[in-house]
Amino acid sequence: MSGLFLLSARQMARISPFFPLAHGVPRVDDRRVVSGIVYVIKNGLQWKDAPKGYGPHKTLYNRFIRWSRLGVFDRIFAALAGEGPKPEQIMIDSTHLKAHRTAASLLKKGFFPVVSDARKVG
């Protein structure tokens, strides 16, 4: 697990009260799984591209979906945000853009003119 992002014991102690109780089969290491979820989201990866040190990508995905639907992450964020002082200013960064997965093929199909003035070889 060296080189992988892991939440500290202190960080886990702050968020673990928000985790739902395990029913039936005991859950695998919450610290490893939650750290894997944070790593995937922070780096914009697909679940299947998560490093093997975090465990099976299906476990990361299933836990994220299940806990998102239960509102676990919403409660964690609300509690952590409510602990600090009220901010004097709130800024919104709108530089994040999403493109549809087919947008990359538009240049190949000729929907946009060639950016360069250089002549095409061919």
N, C-alpha and C. Protein backbone atom coordinates (compact mmCIF):
# COMPACT_ATOMS: atom_id res chain seq x y z
N MET A 1 0.83 -1.20 0.00
CA MET A 1 0.00 0.00 0.00
C MET A 1 0.87 1.26 0.00
N SER A 2 2.18 1.10 -0.04
CA SER A 2 3.01 2.30 -0.04
C SER A 2 2.81 3.06 -1.35
N GLY A 3 2.78 4.37 -1.24
CA GLY A 3 2.58 5.20 -2.42
C GLY A 3 1.13 5.50 -2.72
N LEU A 4 0.20 4.82 -2.07
CA LEU A 4 -1.21 5.07 -2.29
C LEU A 4 -1.72 6.08 -1.27
N PHE A 5 -2.72 6.82 -1.66
CA PHE A 5 -3.36 7.77 -0.75
C PHE A 5 -4.19 6.99 0.27
N LEU A 6 -3.99 7.28 1.54
CA LEU A 6 -4.81 6.68 2.60
C LEU A 6 -5.23 7.77 3.57
N LEU A 7 -6.48 7.74 3.97
CA LEU A 7 -6.94 8.65 5.00
C LEU A 7 -6.22 8.31 6.30
N SER A 8 -5.93 9.31 7.09
CA SER A 8 -5.26 9.07 8.37
C SER A 8 -6.27 8.49 9.37
N ALA A 9 -5.74 7.96 10.46
CA ALA A 9 -6.60 7.42 11.51
C ALA A 9 -7.49 8.52 12.10
N ARG A 10 -6.94 9.72 12.21
CA ARG A 10 -7.71 10.86 12.73
C ARG A 10 -8.86 11.22 11.78
N GLN A 11 -8.57 11.23 10.49
CA GLN A 11 -9.62 11.53 9.51
C GLN A 11 -10.71 10.47 9.53
N MET A 12 -10.31 9.22 9.63
CA MET A 12 -11.30 8.14 9.68
C MET A 12 -12.15 8.23 10.95
N ALA A 13 -11.54 8.62 12.06
CA ALA A 13 -12.29 8.75 13.31
C ALA A 13 -13.36 9.84 13.17
N ARG A 14 -13.08 10.89 12.39
CA ARG A 14 -14.05 11.97 12.21
C ARG A 14 -15.23 11.56 11.34
N ILE A 15 -15.01 10.71 10.36
CA ILE A 15 -16.09 10.38 9.43
C ILE A 15 -16.76 9.03 9.70
N SER A 16 -16.12 8.15 10.46
CA SER A 16 -16.69 6.82 10.67
C SER A 16 -18.04 6.81 11.41
N PRO A 17 -18.38 7.80 12.25
CA PRO A 17 -19.72 7.77 12.86
C PRO A 17 -20.85 7.90 11.83
N PHE A 18 -20.55 8.36 10.63
CA PHE A 18 -21.58 8.53 9.61
C PHE A 18 -21.79 7.26 8.78
N PHE A 19 -20.92 6.27 8.92
CA PHE A 19 -21.05 5.04 8.15
C PHE A 19 -22.23 4.23 8.66
N PRO A 20 -22.98 3.62 7.76
CA PRO A 20 -24.08 2.76 8.21
C PRO A 20 -23.54 1.49 8.86
N LEU A 21 -24.35 0.90 9.71
CA LEU A 21 -23.95 -0.35 10.35
C LEU A 21 -23.93 -1.47 9.32
N ALA A 22 -22.98 -2.39 9.49
CA ALA A 22 -22.88 -3.54 8.59
C ALA A 22 -23.92 -4.57 8.98
N HIS A 23 -24.61 -5.09 7.99
CA HIS A 23 -25.60 -6.15 8.23
C HIS A 23 -25.14 -7.41 7.52
N GLY A 24 -25.17 -8.53 8.19
CA GLY A 24 -24.78 -9.78 7.56
C GLY A 24 -23.27 -9.91 7.48
N VAL A 25 -22.75 -9.93 6.26
CA VAL A 25 -21.32 -10.11 6.03
C VAL A 25 -20.57 -8.86 6.48
N PRO A 26 -19.52 -9.02 7.28
CA PRO A 26 -18.74 -7.84 7.70
C PRO A 26 -18.11 -7.14 6.50
N ARG A 27 -18.07 -5.82 6.57
CA ARG A 27 -17.46 -5.05 5.48
C ARG A 27 -15.95 -5.21 5.49
N VAL A 28 -15.37 -5.03 4.31
CA VAL A 28 -13.91 -5.01 4.23
C VAL A 28 -13.44 -3.68 4.82
N ASP A 29 -12.15 -3.51 4.93
CA ASP A 29 -11.53 -2.35 5.55
C ASP A 29 -12.11 -1.04 5.02
N ASP A 30 -12.85 -0.33 5.86
CA ASP A 30 -13.48 0.94 5.46
C ASP A 30 -12.44 1.98 5.07
N ARG A 31 -11.34 2.01 5.78
CA ARG A 31 -10.31 3.02 5.49
C ARG A 31 -9.76 2.85 4.08
N ARG A 32 -9.48 1.61 3.71
CA ARG A 32 -8.94 1.32 2.38
C ARG A 32 -9.95 1.66 1.30
N VAL A 33 -11.20 1.29 1.50
CA VAL A 33 -12.23 1.49 0.49
C VAL A 33 -12.56 2.98 0.34
N VAL A 34 -12.76 3.69 1.45
CA VAL A 34 -13.07 5.12 1.37
C VAL A 34 -11.89 5.87 0.76
N SER A 35 -10.67 5.49 1.10
CA SER A 35 -9.50 6.12 0.50
C SER A 35 -9.47 5.87 -1.00
N GLY A 36 -9.84 4.67 -1.43
CA GLY A 36 -9.91 4.35 -2.85
C GLY A 36 -10.96 5.18 -3.57
N ILE A 37 -12.10 5.37 -2.94
CA ILE A 37 -13.17 6.19 -3.52
C ILE A 37 -12.68 7.63 -3.69
N VAL A 38 -12.04 8.17 -2.65
CA VAL A 38 -11.51 9.54 -2.72
C VAL A 38 -10.47 9.63 -3.83
N TYR A 39 -9.59 8.64 -3.94
CA TYR A 39 -8.53 8.65 -4.95
C TYR A 39 -9.12 8.65 -6.36
N VAL A 40 -10.11 7.81 -6.60
CA VAL A 40 -10.72 7.72 -7.93
C VAL A 40 -11.40 9.04 -8.30
N ILE A 41 -12.16 9.59 -7.38
CA ILE A 41 -12.89 10.83 -7.67
C ILE A 41 -11.92 12.00 -7.80
N LYS A 42 -10.94 12.08 -6.93
CA LYS A 42 -9.98 13.18 -6.97
C LYS A 42 -9.20 13.21 -8.27
N ASN A 43 -8.85 12.04 -8.80
CA ASN A 43 -8.05 11.96 -10.01
C ASN A 43 -8.88 11.79 -11.28
N GLY A 44 -10.20 11.77 -11.15
CA GLY A 44 -11.07 11.67 -12.32
C GLY A 44 -10.93 10.36 -13.07
N LEU A 45 -10.69 9.28 -12.34
CA LEU A 45 -10.50 7.98 -12.97
C LEU A 45 -11.82 7.25 -13.15
N GLN A 46 -11.80 6.26 -13.99
CA GLN A 46 -12.91 5.31 -14.03
C GLN A 46 -12.66 4.31 -12.90
N TRP A 47 -13.72 3.70 -12.43
CA TRP A 47 -13.58 2.78 -11.30
C TRP A 47 -12.62 1.65 -11.63
N LYS A 48 -12.66 1.17 -12.86
CA LYS A 48 -11.81 0.04 -13.25
C LYS A 48 -10.32 0.40 -13.24
N ASP A 49 -9.99 1.70 -13.24
CA ASP A 49 -8.60 2.14 -13.26
C ASP A 49 -8.03 2.41 -11.86
N ALA A 50 -8.79 2.11 -10.83
CA ALA A 50 -8.31 2.30 -9.46
C ALA A 50 -7.15 1.34 -9.20
N PRO A 51 -6.11 1.80 -8.50
CA PRO A 51 -4.99 0.92 -8.17
C PRO A 51 -5.47 -0.30 -7.39
N LYS A 52 -4.83 -1.43 -7.63
CA LYS A 52 -5.23 -2.70 -7.00
C LYS A 52 -5.10 -2.66 -5.48
N GLY A 53 -4.26 -1.76 -4.96
CA GLY A 53 -4.06 -1.67 -3.52
C GLY A 53 -5.31 -1.27 -2.75
N TYR A 54 -6.28 -0.69 -3.44
CA TYR A 54 -7.53 -0.30 -2.79
C TYR A 54 -8.55 -1.43 -2.78
N GLY A 55 -8.22 -2.53 -3.42
CA GLY A 55 -9.14 -3.65 -3.49
C GLY A 55 -9.85 -3.68 -4.84
N PRO A 56 -10.80 -4.59 -4.99
CA PRO A 56 -11.52 -4.71 -6.26
C PRO A 56 -12.27 -3.43 -6.60
N HIS A 57 -12.19 -3.02 -7.86
CA HIS A 57 -12.86 -1.79 -8.27
C HIS A 57 -14.37 -1.89 -8.11
N LYS A 58 -14.89 -3.09 -8.21
CA LYS A 58 -16.34 -3.30 -8.04
C LYS A 58 -16.76 -2.98 -6.61
N THR A 59 -15.91 -3.28 -5.64
CA THR A 59 -16.20 -2.96 -4.24
C THR A 59 -16.24 -1.45 -4.04
N LEU A 60 -15.27 -0.75 -4.64
CA LEU A 60 -15.25 0.72 -4.53
C LEU A 60 -16.53 1.30 -5.13
N TYR A 61 -16.87 0.84 -6.32
CA TYR A 61 -18.05 1.35 -7.02
C TYR A 61 -19.33 1.06 -6.23
N ASN A 62 -19.48 -0.19 -5.81
CA ASN A 62 -20.71 -0.57 -5.09
C ASN A 62 -20.87 0.21 -3.79
N ARG A 63 -19.78 0.38 -3.05
CA ARG A 63 -19.85 1.12 -1.79
C ARG A 63 -20.20 2.58 -2.06
N PHE A 64 -19.57 3.17 -3.09
CA PHE A 64 -19.86 4.56 -3.42
C PHE A 64 -21.33 4.74 -3.80
N ILE A 65 -21.85 3.88 -4.65
CA ILE A 65 -23.25 3.99 -5.08
C ILE A 65 -24.19 3.77 -3.89
N ARG A 66 -23.95 2.74 -3.12
CA ARG A 66 -24.84 2.42 -1.99
C ARG A 66 -24.85 3.55 -0.97
N TRP A 67 -23.67 4.04 -0.59
CA TRP A 67 -23.60 5.09 0.42
C TRP A 67 -24.08 6.43 -0.13
N SER A 68 -23.92 6.67 -1.42
CA SER A 68 -24.45 7.90 -2.02
C SER A 68 -25.96 7.91 -1.95
N ARG A 69 -26.57 6.79 -2.26
CA ARG A 69 -28.03 6.69 -2.21
C ARG A 69 -28.56 6.82 -0.79
N LEU A 70 -27.77 6.38 0.18
CA LEU A 70 -28.17 6.49 1.58
C LEU A 70 -27.89 7.88 2.16
N GLY A 71 -27.18 8.72 1.40
CA GLY A 71 -26.87 10.07 1.86
C GLY A 71 -25.70 10.15 2.82
N VAL A 72 -24.88 9.11 2.86
CA VAL A 72 -23.74 9.07 3.79
C VAL A 72 -22.77 10.20 3.49
N PHE A 73 -22.40 10.36 2.23
CA PHE A 73 -21.42 11.38 1.87
C PHE A 73 -21.99 12.79 2.08
N ASP A 74 -23.27 12.97 1.82
CA ASP A 74 -23.91 14.27 2.07
C ASP A 74 -23.82 14.65 3.54
N ARG A 75 -24.08 13.69 4.42
CA ARG A 75 -24.01 13.97 5.86
C ARG A 75 -22.57 14.25 6.31
N ILE A 76 -21.62 13.53 5.72
CA ILE A 76 -20.21 13.77 6.06
C ILE A 76 -19.81 15.18 5.65
N PHE A 77 -20.13 15.56 4.40
CA PHE A 77 -19.76 16.89 3.91
C PHE A 77 -20.43 17.99 4.72
N ALA A 78 -21.71 17.81 5.04
CA ALA A 78 -22.44 18.83 5.81
C ALA A 78 -21.83 18.98 7.20
N ALA A 79 -21.50 17.87 7.84
CA ALA A 79 -20.94 17.94 9.19
C ALA A 79 -19.55 18.58 9.18
N LEU A 80 -18.71 18.21 8.22
CA LEU A 80 -17.37 18.77 8.16
C LEU A 80 -17.40 20.25 7.78
N ALA A 81 -18.29 20.63 6.88
CA ALA A 81 -18.39 22.04 6.48
C ALA A 81 -18.96 22.89 7.60
N GLY A 82 -19.82 22.32 8.43
CA GLY A 82 -20.44 23.06 9.51
C GLY A 82 -19.53 23.29 10.70
N GLU A 83 -18.39 22.59 10.76
CA GLU A 83 -17.49 22.72 11.91
C GLU A 83 -16.68 24.01 11.89
N GLY A 84 -16.38 24.51 10.72
CA GLY A 84 -15.52 25.69 10.61
C GLY A 84 -16.29 26.98 10.76
N PRO A 85 -15.57 28.09 10.76
CA PRO A 85 -16.22 29.40 10.84
C PRO A 85 -16.96 29.71 9.55
N LYS A 86 -17.92 30.60 9.63
CA LYS A 86 -18.66 31.01 8.43
C LYS A 86 -17.73 31.79 7.51
N PRO A 87 -17.69 31.46 6.23
CA PRO A 87 -16.80 32.20 5.32
C PRO A 87 -17.34 33.60 5.03
N GLU A 88 -16.40 34.53 4.82
CA GLU A 88 -16.79 35.88 4.45
C GLU A 88 -17.21 35.95 2.99
N GLN A 89 -16.56 35.16 2.16
CA GLN A 89 -16.88 35.12 0.73
C GLN A 89 -17.01 33.68 0.30
N ILE A 90 -17.86 33.47 -0.68
CA ILE A 90 -17.98 32.16 -1.31
C ILE A 90 -17.76 32.37 -2.80
N MET A 91 -16.83 31.60 -3.36
CA MET A 91 -16.52 31.73 -4.78
C MET A 91 -16.87 30.43 -5.49
N ILE A 92 -17.36 30.56 -6.69
CA ILE A 92 -17.71 29.40 -7.50
C ILE A 92 -16.80 29.38 -8.71
N ASP A 93 -16.14 28.26 -8.94
CA ASP A 93 -15.26 28.11 -10.09
C ASP A 93 -16.04 27.34 -11.16
N SER A 94 -16.26 27.98 -12.27
CA SER A 94 -17.05 27.34 -13.32
C SER A 94 -16.19 26.95 -14.51
N THR A 95 -14.93 26.65 -14.27
CA THR A 95 -14.05 26.29 -15.38
C THR A 95 -14.13 24.83 -15.75
N HIS A 96 -14.83 24.02 -14.98
CA HIS A 96 -14.94 22.60 -15.27
C HIS A 96 -15.99 22.39 -16.36
N LEU A 97 -15.59 21.77 -17.43
CA LEU A 97 -16.50 21.51 -18.54
C LEU A 97 -16.57 20.01 -18.78
N LYS A 98 -17.75 19.55 -19.11
CA LYS A 98 -17.91 18.15 -19.47
C LYS A 98 -18.23 18.07 -20.94
N ALA A 99 -17.65 17.12 -21.60
CA ALA A 99 -17.94 16.89 -23.01
C ALA A 99 -18.50 15.49 -23.14
N HIS A 100 -19.41 15.33 -24.04
CA HIS A 100 -19.97 14.01 -24.29
C HIS A 100 -18.89 13.11 -24.85
N ARG A 101 -18.99 11.82 -24.59
CA ARG A 101 -17.92 10.90 -25.00
C ARG A 101 -17.72 10.85 -26.51
N THR A 102 -18.72 11.29 -27.29
CA THR A 102 -18.56 11.27 -28.74
C THR A 102 -17.95 12.57 -29.26
N ALA A 103 -17.69 13.54 -28.39
CA ALA A 103 -17.16 14.83 -28.84
C ALA A 103 -15.78 14.70 -29.46
N ALA A 104 -15.00 13.73 -29.03
CA ALA A 104 -13.64 13.57 -29.56
C ALA A 104 -13.66 13.15 -31.03
N SER A 105 -14.71 12.53 -31.48
CA SER A 105 -14.76 12.06 -32.86
C SER A 105 -15.23 13.13 -33.83
N LEU A 106 -15.64 14.29 -33.35
CA LEU A 106 -16.15 15.33 -34.23
C LEU A 106 -15.08 15.85 -35.19
N LEU A 107 -13.83 15.95 -34.71
CA LEU A 107 -12.76 16.41 -35.59
C LEU A 107 -12.50 15.40 -36.71
N LYS A 108 -12.56 14.13 -36.38
CA LYS A 108 -12.32 13.08 -37.38
C LYS A 108 -13.40 13.08 -38.45
N LYS A 109 -14.62 13.42 -38.05
CA LYS A 109 -15.75 13.39 -38.99
C LYS A 109 -15.87 14.68 -39.80
N GLY A 110 -15.00 15.66 -39.53
CA GLY A 110 -14.99 16.88 -40.32
C GLY A 110 -16.02 17.91 -39.91
N PHE A 111 -16.50 17.86 -38.68
CA PHE A 111 -17.48 18.84 -38.24
C PHE A 111 -16.86 20.19 -37.93
N PHE A 112 -15.55 20.22 -37.71
CA PHE A 112 -14.87 21.47 -37.42
C PHE A 112 -13.78 21.70 -38.46
N PRO A 113 -13.56 22.94 -38.88
CA PRO A 113 -12.51 23.19 -39.87
C PRO A 113 -11.14 22.94 -39.28
N VAL A 114 -10.18 22.71 -40.15
CA VAL A 114 -8.82 22.48 -39.72
C VAL A 114 -8.30 23.75 -39.06
N VAL A 115 -7.71 23.62 -37.88
CA VAL A 115 -7.25 24.77 -37.13
C VAL A 115 -6.03 25.39 -37.78
N SER A 116 -5.16 24.58 -38.32
CA SER A 116 -3.93 25.08 -38.91
C SER A 116 -4.16 25.52 -40.36
N ASP A 117 -3.38 26.54 -40.79
CA ASP A 117 -3.44 26.97 -42.19
C ASP A 117 -2.58 26.09 -43.07
N ALA A 118 -1.77 25.23 -42.47
CA ALA A 118 -0.91 24.36 -43.26
C ALA A 118 -1.75 23.41 -44.10
N ARG A 119 -1.26 23.11 -45.28
CA ARG A 119 -1.99 22.22 -46.18
C ARG A 119 -1.88 20.79 -45.68
N LYS A 120 -2.91 20.03 -45.88
CA LYS A 120 -2.91 18.62 -45.50
C LYS A 120 -2.07 17.86 -46.50
N VAL A 121 -1.26 16.94 -45.98
CA VAL A 121 -0.48 16.07 -46.83
C VAL A 121 -1.36 14.89 -47.19
N GLY A 122 -1.38 14.51 -48.42
CA GLY A 122 -2.22 13.37 -48.73
C GLY A 122 -2.52 13.26 -50.10
